[in-house]
Amino acid sequence: MLFEYHLNTEKEGFYNITSYVRRALIESRIDSGIALVYCPHTTAGITINENADPDVVTDLLYALDKTFPDRPQFRHAEGNSAAHLKSSCIGASVSVIIDDGRLVLGTWQGIYFTEFDGPRARTFYVKILKG
């Protein structure tokens, strides 16, 4: 089953979308399989990381900015090459095991939509695969 969701994002940020994925799982009524979470954008991404301490997200954004700063040598006409680099580093999708009708996530893990070129109206997909 495929589920489509929409977000309005700020300039940059990590958006906890774990509840959307859980909702898709409940609606699918699948007890065992895989949840695939996919972002169809080239300046955003999907990742799994800590969801307990908001300073982790702040640190991740800081480190990504330091690792992929905007540079005058970039040639991409839209001026968002750093956002493309961050998106490629984070990746466009994650897979999460489903067991006994629940997402198999660690105690502190959450699923995040990552924005690097907002504000934007964004879309992401959740595909629940029966296993």
N, C-alpha and C. Protein backbone atom coordinates (compact mmCIF):
# COMPACT_ATOMS: atom_id res chain seq x y z
N MET A 1 0.84 -1.17 0.00
CA MET A 1 0.00 0.00 0.00
C MET A 1 0.88 1.24 0.00
N LEU A 2 0.51 2.22 -0.80
CA LEU A 2 1.26 3.47 -0.91
C LEU A 2 0.47 4.60 -0.26
N PHE A 3 1.16 5.37 0.59
CA PHE A 3 0.56 6.51 1.27
C PHE A 3 1.36 7.76 0.91
N GLU A 4 0.67 8.85 0.62
CA GLU A 4 1.30 10.11 0.26
C GLU A 4 1.00 11.14 1.35
N TYR A 5 2.04 11.87 1.76
CA TYR A 5 1.89 12.89 2.79
C TYR A 5 2.54 14.19 2.34
N HIS A 6 2.09 15.30 2.94
CA HIS A 6 2.58 16.62 2.56
C HIS A 6 3.04 17.40 3.79
N LEU A 7 4.11 18.16 3.61
CA LEU A 7 4.66 19.02 4.65
C LEU A 7 4.92 20.40 4.08
N ASN A 8 4.76 21.43 4.89
CA ASN A 8 5.25 22.77 4.58
C ASN A 8 6.46 23.00 5.47
N THR A 9 7.59 23.27 4.85
CA THR A 9 8.84 23.34 5.59
C THR A 9 9.37 24.76 5.69
N GLU A 10 10.30 24.93 6.61
CA GLU A 10 11.05 26.18 6.77
C GLU A 10 12.31 26.09 5.92
N LYS A 11 13.22 27.06 6.07
CA LYS A 11 14.45 27.11 5.28
C LYS A 11 15.24 25.81 5.38
N GLU A 12 15.54 25.39 6.60
CA GLU A 12 16.22 24.11 6.85
C GLU A 12 15.61 23.49 8.10
N GLY A 13 15.62 22.17 8.16
CA GLY A 13 15.12 21.56 9.36
C GLY A 13 14.94 20.06 9.24
N PHE A 14 14.77 19.45 10.40
CA PHE A 14 14.45 18.03 10.50
C PHE A 14 13.03 17.96 11.04
N TYR A 15 12.16 17.24 10.34
CA TYR A 15 10.75 17.11 10.71
C TYR A 15 10.47 15.67 11.08
N ASN A 16 10.08 15.44 12.33
CA ASN A 16 9.82 14.08 12.79
C ASN A 16 8.53 13.58 12.14
N ILE A 17 8.65 12.58 11.28
CA ILE A 17 7.49 12.04 10.55
C ILE A 17 7.15 10.62 11.00
N THR A 18 7.69 10.21 12.15
CA THR A 18 7.43 8.86 12.65
C THR A 18 5.94 8.60 12.80
N SER A 19 5.19 9.57 13.27
CA SER A 19 3.74 9.38 13.46
C SER A 19 3.02 9.13 12.14
N TYR A 20 3.48 9.76 11.05
CA TYR A 20 2.88 9.52 9.73
C TYR A 20 3.11 8.06 9.30
N VAL A 21 4.33 7.58 9.54
CA VAL A 21 4.67 6.21 9.15
C VAL A 21 3.87 5.22 9.99
N ARG A 22 3.72 5.50 11.28
CA ARG A 22 2.90 4.63 12.14
C ARG A 22 1.44 4.63 11.69
N ARG A 23 0.93 5.79 11.31
CA ARG A 23 -0.45 5.88 10.82
C ARG A 23 -0.63 5.04 9.55
N ALA A 24 0.33 5.12 8.63
CA ALA A 24 0.27 4.32 7.40
C ALA A 24 0.27 2.83 7.74
N LEU A 25 1.09 2.44 8.70
CA LEU A 25 1.16 1.04 9.11
C LEU A 25 -0.19 0.57 9.67
N ILE A 26 -0.79 1.37 10.53
CA ILE A 26 -2.10 1.02 11.10
C ILE A 26 -3.14 0.87 10.00
N GLU A 27 -3.17 1.83 9.07
CA GLU A 27 -4.15 1.78 7.97
C GLU A 27 -3.92 0.59 7.05
N SER A 28 -2.68 0.16 6.92
CA SER A 28 -2.38 -0.96 6.02
C SER A 28 -2.82 -2.30 6.59
N ARG A 29 -2.90 -2.39 7.92
CA ARG A 29 -3.26 -3.63 8.62
C ARG A 29 -2.27 -4.76 8.35
N ILE A 30 -1.04 -4.41 8.07
CA ILE A 30 0.01 -5.41 7.83
C ILE A 30 0.79 -5.62 9.13
N ASP A 31 0.97 -6.89 9.50
CA ASP A 31 1.65 -7.24 10.75
C ASP A 31 3.15 -7.45 10.61
N SER A 32 3.59 -7.82 9.40
CA SER A 32 5.00 -8.16 9.21
C SER A 32 5.43 -7.71 7.82
N GLY A 33 6.58 -7.05 7.75
CA GLY A 33 7.07 -6.61 6.45
C GLY A 33 8.09 -5.49 6.59
N ILE A 34 8.00 -4.55 5.65
CA ILE A 34 8.92 -3.42 5.60
C ILE A 34 8.12 -2.16 5.31
N ALA A 35 8.48 -1.08 6.00
CA ALA A 35 7.97 0.25 5.66
C ALA A 35 9.10 0.99 4.94
N LEU A 36 8.84 1.40 3.72
CA LEU A 36 9.79 2.17 2.95
C LEU A 36 9.31 3.62 2.94
N VAL A 37 10.15 4.52 3.39
CA VAL A 37 9.81 5.95 3.44
C VAL A 37 10.70 6.64 2.41
N TYR A 38 10.08 7.37 1.47
CA TYR A 38 10.80 7.89 0.31
C TYR A 38 10.49 9.37 0.09
N CYS A 39 11.53 10.12 -0.23
CA CYS A 39 11.43 11.55 -0.54
C CYS A 39 11.76 11.76 -2.02
N PRO A 40 10.82 12.33 -2.82
CA PRO A 40 11.08 12.52 -4.24
C PRO A 40 11.70 13.88 -4.58
N HIS A 41 12.45 14.47 -3.66
CA HIS A 41 13.04 15.79 -3.88
C HIS A 41 14.56 15.70 -3.83
N THR A 42 15.24 16.58 -4.59
CA THR A 42 16.70 16.52 -4.67
C THR A 42 17.40 17.47 -3.70
N THR A 43 16.63 18.23 -2.92
CA THR A 43 17.24 19.10 -1.91
C THR A 43 16.62 18.84 -0.53
N ALA A 44 16.11 17.64 -0.36
CA ALA A 44 15.55 17.18 0.91
C ALA A 44 15.90 15.71 1.04
N GLY A 45 15.57 15.09 2.17
CA GLY A 45 15.89 13.68 2.34
C GLY A 45 15.11 13.06 3.48
N ILE A 46 15.43 11.80 3.73
CA ILE A 46 14.81 11.01 4.80
C ILE A 46 15.94 10.35 5.60
N THR A 47 15.84 10.39 6.92
CA THR A 47 16.86 9.74 7.75
C THR A 47 16.23 9.26 9.06
N ILE A 48 16.95 8.40 9.73
CA ILE A 48 16.58 7.95 11.08
C ILE A 48 17.65 8.47 12.03
N ASN A 49 17.20 9.09 13.13
CA ASN A 49 18.15 9.56 14.12
C ASN A 49 17.45 9.73 15.45
N GLU A 50 18.17 10.25 16.43
CA GLU A 50 17.62 10.39 17.78
C GLU A 50 16.45 11.37 17.80
N ASN A 51 15.41 11.00 18.55
CA ASN A 51 14.24 11.87 18.66
C ASN A 51 13.99 12.33 20.09
N ALA A 52 14.93 12.09 21.01
CA ALA A 52 14.72 12.46 22.41
C ALA A 52 15.30 13.83 22.74
N ASP A 53 16.49 14.13 22.24
CA ASP A 53 17.17 15.39 22.56
C ASP A 53 17.19 16.28 21.32
N PRO A 54 16.45 17.40 21.32
CA PRO A 54 16.42 18.28 20.14
C PRO A 54 17.78 18.87 19.78
N ASP A 55 18.73 18.85 20.71
CA ASP A 55 20.07 19.35 20.40
C ASP A 55 20.78 18.48 19.36
N VAL A 56 20.38 17.22 19.23
CA VAL A 56 20.98 16.36 18.20
C VAL A 56 20.68 16.92 16.82
N VAL A 57 19.43 17.31 16.59
CA VAL A 57 19.06 17.89 15.29
C VAL A 57 19.83 19.19 15.05
N THR A 58 19.93 20.03 16.07
CA THR A 58 20.70 21.27 15.95
C THR A 58 22.14 20.97 15.58
N ASP A 59 22.73 19.98 16.23
CA ASP A 59 24.11 19.60 15.94
C ASP A 59 24.26 19.05 14.53
N LEU A 60 23.30 18.25 14.09
CA LEU A 60 23.36 17.69 12.74
C LEU A 60 23.30 18.81 11.69
N LEU A 61 22.38 19.75 11.86
CA LEU A 61 22.29 20.86 10.91
C LEU A 61 23.58 21.68 10.90
N TYR A 62 24.13 21.94 12.08
CA TYR A 62 25.39 22.67 12.18
C TYR A 62 26.51 21.93 11.43
N ALA A 63 26.64 20.63 11.69
CA ALA A 63 27.70 19.84 11.05
C ALA A 63 27.52 19.76 9.54
N LEU A 64 26.28 19.61 9.08
CA LEU A 64 26.03 19.59 7.64
C LEU A 64 26.39 20.93 7.00
N ASP A 65 26.08 22.04 7.68
CA ASP A 65 26.46 23.36 7.15
C ASP A 65 27.97 23.52 7.08
N LYS A 66 28.68 23.01 8.09
CA LYS A 66 30.14 23.11 8.08
C LYS A 66 30.76 22.19 7.03
N THR A 67 30.16 21.03 6.84
CA THR A 67 30.69 20.05 5.88
C THR A 67 30.38 20.46 4.44
N PHE A 68 29.19 21.03 4.23
CA PHE A 68 28.75 21.41 2.88
C PHE A 68 28.36 22.89 2.84
N PRO A 69 29.33 23.78 2.98
CA PRO A 69 29.00 25.21 2.93
C PRO A 69 28.69 25.64 1.48
N ASP A 70 27.95 26.72 1.38
CA ASP A 70 27.73 27.30 0.05
C ASP A 70 29.06 27.91 -0.40
N ARG A 71 29.43 27.67 -1.64
CA ARG A 71 30.73 28.15 -2.14
C ARG A 71 30.52 28.94 -3.43
N PRO A 72 31.28 30.00 -3.60
CA PRO A 72 31.14 30.80 -4.83
C PRO A 72 31.55 30.02 -6.09
N GLN A 73 32.31 28.93 -5.93
CA GLN A 73 32.73 28.14 -7.08
C GLN A 73 31.62 27.25 -7.63
N PHE A 74 30.55 27.05 -6.88
CA PHE A 74 29.44 26.22 -7.36
C PHE A 74 28.83 26.87 -8.61
N ARG A 75 28.50 26.04 -9.59
CA ARG A 75 28.03 26.55 -10.88
C ARG A 75 26.53 26.40 -11.09
N HIS A 76 25.86 25.61 -10.26
CA HIS A 76 24.43 25.37 -10.43
C HIS A 76 23.67 26.70 -10.38
N ALA A 77 22.89 26.98 -11.40
CA ALA A 77 22.26 28.29 -11.59
C ALA A 77 21.28 28.65 -10.47
N GLU A 78 20.64 27.67 -9.85
CA GLU A 78 19.66 27.97 -8.80
C GLU A 78 20.32 28.40 -7.49
N GLY A 79 21.62 28.19 -7.35
CA GLY A 79 22.32 28.62 -6.15
C GLY A 79 22.07 27.76 -4.92
N ASN A 80 21.66 26.52 -5.12
CA ASN A 80 21.37 25.65 -3.98
C ASN A 80 22.19 24.35 -4.01
N SER A 81 23.40 24.45 -4.52
CA SER A 81 24.25 23.25 -4.60
C SER A 81 24.52 22.64 -3.24
N ALA A 82 24.69 23.46 -2.21
CA ALA A 82 24.93 22.91 -0.87
C ALA A 82 23.74 22.06 -0.43
N ALA A 83 22.53 22.48 -0.76
CA ALA A 83 21.33 21.69 -0.43
C ALA A 83 21.33 20.36 -1.15
N HIS A 84 21.77 20.34 -2.41
CA HIS A 84 21.86 19.08 -3.16
C HIS A 84 22.90 18.15 -2.53
N LEU A 85 24.02 18.70 -2.08
CA LEU A 85 25.05 17.88 -1.44
C LEU A 85 24.53 17.29 -0.12
N LYS A 86 23.86 18.09 0.68
CA LYS A 86 23.30 17.60 1.95
C LYS A 86 22.28 16.51 1.70
N SER A 87 21.43 16.71 0.71
CA SER A 87 20.41 15.72 0.36
C SER A 87 21.06 14.40 -0.06
N SER A 88 22.10 14.49 -0.87
CA SER A 88 22.79 13.27 -1.31
C SER A 88 23.45 12.55 -0.14
N CYS A 89 23.97 13.31 0.79
CA CYS A 89 24.60 12.72 1.98
C CYS A 89 23.56 12.01 2.85
N ILE A 90 22.44 12.64 3.09
CA ILE A 90 21.38 12.06 3.93
C ILE A 90 20.70 10.89 3.22
N GLY A 91 20.37 11.04 1.97
CA GLY A 91 19.70 9.99 1.20
C GLY A 91 18.22 10.26 1.05
N ALA A 92 17.63 9.55 0.09
CA ALA A 92 16.23 9.78 -0.27
C ALA A 92 15.25 8.84 0.40
N SER A 93 15.74 7.81 1.11
CA SER A 93 14.80 6.85 1.68
C SER A 93 15.41 6.10 2.87
N VAL A 94 14.52 5.52 3.66
CA VAL A 94 14.90 4.58 4.71
C VAL A 94 13.91 3.42 4.68
N SER A 95 14.37 2.27 5.15
CA SER A 95 13.52 1.10 5.31
C SER A 95 13.48 0.74 6.79
N VAL A 96 12.28 0.42 7.27
CA VAL A 96 12.11 0.05 8.67
C VAL A 96 11.37 -1.28 8.72
N ILE A 97 11.89 -2.21 9.49
CA ILE A 97 11.26 -3.52 9.67
C ILE A 97 9.94 -3.35 10.41
N ILE A 98 8.94 -4.11 9.98
CA ILE A 98 7.66 -4.19 10.67
C ILE A 98 7.56 -5.59 11.27
N ASP A 99 7.29 -5.66 12.56
CA ASP A 99 7.12 -6.94 13.23
C ASP A 99 5.99 -6.82 14.24
N ASP A 100 5.09 -7.78 14.24
CA ASP A 100 3.96 -7.79 15.16
C ASP A 100 3.17 -6.48 15.08
N GLY A 101 3.05 -5.94 13.86
CA GLY A 101 2.26 -4.73 13.64
C GLY A 101 2.90 -3.45 14.11
N ARG A 102 4.21 -3.48 14.43
CA ARG A 102 4.91 -2.29 14.93
C ARG A 102 6.19 -2.05 14.16
N LEU A 103 6.58 -0.77 14.07
CA LEU A 103 7.86 -0.42 13.50
C LEU A 103 8.96 -0.85 14.46
N VAL A 104 9.99 -1.48 13.94
CA VAL A 104 11.12 -1.89 14.77
C VAL A 104 12.14 -0.74 14.74
N LEU A 105 12.00 0.14 15.73
CA LEU A 105 12.90 1.28 15.90
C LEU A 105 13.54 1.18 17.27
N GLY A 106 14.75 1.71 17.40
CA GLY A 106 15.42 1.76 18.69
C GLY A 106 14.69 2.72 19.62
N THR A 107 14.99 2.61 20.90
CA THR A 107 14.34 3.41 21.93
C THR A 107 14.34 4.90 21.61
N TRP A 108 15.44 5.42 21.11
CA TRP A 108 15.58 6.85 20.89
C TRP A 108 15.42 7.24 19.42
N GLN A 109 15.06 6.31 18.55
CA GLN A 109 15.04 6.61 17.12
C GLN A 109 13.70 7.20 16.65
N GLY A 110 13.81 8.10 15.71
CA GLY A 110 12.66 8.64 15.01
C GLY A 110 13.00 8.75 13.53
N ILE A 111 11.98 8.84 12.70
CA ILE A 111 12.15 8.99 11.26
C ILE A 111 11.94 10.46 10.92
N TYR A 112 12.89 11.02 10.18
CA TYR A 112 12.86 12.45 9.89
C TYR A 112 12.84 12.74 8.39
N PHE A 113 12.02 13.73 8.02
CA PHE A 113 12.11 14.39 6.72
C PHE A 113 13.08 15.54 6.92
N THR A 114 14.09 15.65 6.07
CA THR A 114 15.09 16.70 6.20
C THR A 114 14.95 17.71 5.07
N GLU A 115 14.90 18.97 5.42
CA GLU A 115 14.77 20.06 4.44
C GLU A 115 16.05 20.87 4.40
N PHE A 116 16.54 21.12 3.18
CA PHE A 116 17.76 21.89 3.02
C PHE A 116 17.61 23.08 2.06
N ASP A 117 16.40 23.30 1.53
CA ASP A 117 16.21 24.36 0.53
C ASP A 117 14.81 24.95 0.61
N GLY A 118 14.34 25.17 1.82
CA GLY A 118 12.99 25.69 1.98
C GLY A 118 12.97 27.21 1.99
N PRO A 119 11.81 27.75 2.30
CA PRO A 119 10.58 27.02 2.59
C PRO A 119 9.97 26.42 1.32
N ARG A 120 9.36 25.28 1.50
CA ARG A 120 8.76 24.55 0.37
C ARG A 120 7.52 23.78 0.82
N ALA A 121 6.68 23.47 -0.14
CA ALA A 121 5.61 22.49 0.05
C ALA A 121 6.21 21.18 -0.43
N ARG A 122 6.34 20.22 0.46
CA ARG A 122 7.02 18.96 0.16
C ARG A 122 6.07 17.78 0.26
N THR A 123 6.47 16.71 -0.41
CA THR A 123 5.73 15.45 -0.41
C THR A 123 6.69 14.33 -0.01
N PHE A 124 6.17 13.35 0.70
CA PHE A 124 6.93 12.12 0.91
C PHE A 124 5.95 10.95 0.87
N TYR A 125 6.50 9.77 0.63
CA TYR A 125 5.70 8.57 0.46
C TYR A 125 6.10 7.51 1.48
N VAL A 126 5.12 6.73 1.87
CA VAL A 126 5.34 5.55 2.71
C VAL A 126 4.74 4.37 1.97
N LYS A 127 5.55 3.38 1.70
CA LYS A 127 5.11 2.15 1.05
C LYS A 127 5.23 1.03 2.08
N ILE A 128 4.12 0.39 2.38
CA ILE A 128 4.11 -0.73 3.33
C ILE A 128 4.12 -2.02 2.51
N LEU A 129 5.17 -2.80 2.70
CA LEU A 129 5.34 -4.06 1.97
C LEU A 129 5.12 -5.23 2.92
N LYS A 130 4.24 -6.12 2.54
CA LYS A 130 3.95 -7.30 3.36
C LYS A 130 5.11 -8.29 3.26
N GLY A 131 5.50 -8.82 4.42
CA GLY A 131 6.64 -9.74 4.43
C GLY A 131 6.30 -11.10 4.91
